Amino acid sequence: MADEFIKGLGILTGSGLAWLVLASWYRTSSFESSQQLIEPLSSGATEGLFNIIGVTLMDVFLWFALLGALTFWVLIPAGHQIMSALEERRNAQ
């Protein structure tokens, strides 16, 4: 179970850091703002190929962080528990 935890933690921290860098670049208009990282995209964020790639990767990293941690911390251990319960039930019959 420790390997699932560290895999989930690695995914969360790695992709969370990438999201944080991109979100601070594209979603922070001023450092005095109280809505840093959550304000709408700046006006030039969808102009040019590299800006479009950056905005797309920002969303990809956010969802990868959330779904990756959920997968390794909840879904895989639940699958192991279900499989062991089914095997115990099959051996009991």
Protein backbone atom coordinates (compact mmCIF):
# COMPACT_ATOMS: atom_id res chain seq x y z
CA MET A 1 0.00 0.00 0.00
CA ALA A 2 2.94 2.31 0.53
CA ASP A 3 3.84 2.23 -3.15
CA GLU A 4 0.34 3.38 -4.13
CA PHE A 5 0.57 6.22 -1.64
CA ILE A 6 3.92 7.45 -2.92
CA LYS A 7 2.81 7.15 -6.55
CA GLY A 8 -0.27 9.23 -5.80
CA LEU A 9 1.79 11.74 -3.85
CA GLY A 10 4.31 12.00 -6.68
CA ILE A 11 1.58 12.59 -9.24
CA LEU A 12 -0.12 15.16 -7.01
CA THR A 13 3.02 17.13 -6.23
CA GLY A 14 4.56 16.92 -9.72
CA SER A 15 1.52 17.86 -11.72
CA GLY A 16 0.35 20.23 -8.99
CA LEU A 17 3.62 22.12 -9.29
CA ALA A 18 3.29 22.25 -13.09
CA TRP A 19 -0.30 23.54 -12.74
CA LEU A 20 0.82 26.12 -10.20
CA VAL A 21 3.52 27.47 -12.52
CA LEU A 22 1.20 27.68 -15.53
CA ALA A 23 -1.73 29.07 -13.54
CA SER A 24 0.46 31.75 -12.03
CA TRP A 25 1.65 32.66 -15.48
CA TYR A 26 -1.73 32.79 -17.21
CA ARG A 27 -4.16 33.62 -14.39
CA THR A 28 -2.35 36.27 -12.34
CA SER A 29 -2.76 39.77 -13.71
CA SER A 30 -1.35 41.51 -10.64
CA PHE A 31 0.45 40.34 -7.54
CA GLU A 32 -1.67 42.69 -5.46
CA SER A 33 -4.84 40.91 -6.58
CA SER A 34 -6.76 38.79 -4.10
CA GLN A 35 -7.87 36.38 -6.84
CA GLN A 36 -4.54 35.00 -7.97
CA LEU A 37 -4.63 31.62 -9.75
CA ILE A 38 -8.43 31.63 -10.04
CA GLU A 39 -9.20 34.74 -12.07
CA PRO A 40 -10.17 34.39 -15.75
CA LEU A 41 -7.48 34.00 -18.37
CA SER A 42 -5.68 37.14 -19.40
CA SER A 43 -6.62 38.64 -22.76
CA GLY A 44 -3.56 37.41 -24.68
CA ALA A 45 -3.66 33.87 -23.30
CA THR A 46 -5.41 32.40 -26.32
CA GLU A 47 -3.31 34.11 -28.97
CA GLY A 48 -0.49 32.09 -30.46
CA LEU A 49 0.35 28.42 -30.53
CA PHE A 50 2.49 28.31 -27.39
CA ASN A 51 -0.10 30.17 -25.31
CA ILE A 52 -2.80 27.72 -26.43
CA ILE A 53 -0.53 24.80 -25.55
CA GLY A 54 0.23 26.35 -22.14
CA VAL A 55 -3.44 26.92 -21.31
CA THR A 56 -4.32 23.39 -22.43
CA LEU A 57 -1.51 21.88 -20.36
CA MET A 58 -2.65 23.89 -17.36
CA ASP A 59 -6.03 22.15 -17.45
CA VAL A 60 -4.45 18.76 -18.18
CA PHE A 61 -2.08 19.04 -15.19
CA LEU A 62 -4.91 20.04 -12.85
CA TRP A 63 -7.09 17.09 -13.81
CA PHE A 64 -4.14 14.69 -13.85
CA ALA A 65 -3.23 15.76 -10.30
CA LEU A 66 -6.77 15.26 -9.02
CA LEU A 67 -7.60 12.04 -10.86
CA GLY A 68 -4.14 10.53 -10.37
CA ALA A 69 -4.21 11.00 -6.61
CA LEU A 70 -7.79 9.72 -6.45
CA THR A 71 -6.85 6.65 -8.47
CA PHE A 72 -3.84 5.66 -6.38
CA TRP A 73 -5.28 6.61 -2.99
CA VAL A 74 -8.89 5.41 -3.37
CA LEU A 75 -9.65 3.34 -6.47
CA ILE A 76 -6.67 0.96 -6.53
CA PRO A 77 -6.83 0.14 -2.77
CA ALA A 78 -10.60 -0.33 -3.06
CA GLY A 79 -10.01 -2.69 -5.98
CA HIS A 80 -7.52 -4.69 -3.91
CA GLN A 81 -10.01 -4.91 -1.06
CA ILE A 82 -12.78 -6.06 -3.38
CA MET A 83 -10.57 -8.68 -5.01
CA SER A 84 -9.41 -10.06 -1.67
CA ALA A 85 -12.99 -10.17 -0.36
CA LEU A 86 -14.14 -12.02 -3.48
CA GLU A 87 -11.27 -14.47 -3.19
CA GLU A 88 -12.03 -15.12 0.48
CA ARG A 89 -15.67 -15.67 -0.40
CA ARG A 90 -14.75 -18.06 -3.17
CA ASN A 91 -12.38 -20.01 -0.90
CA ALA A 92 -15.05 -20.22 1.83
CA GLN A 93 -17.52 -21.94 -0.51
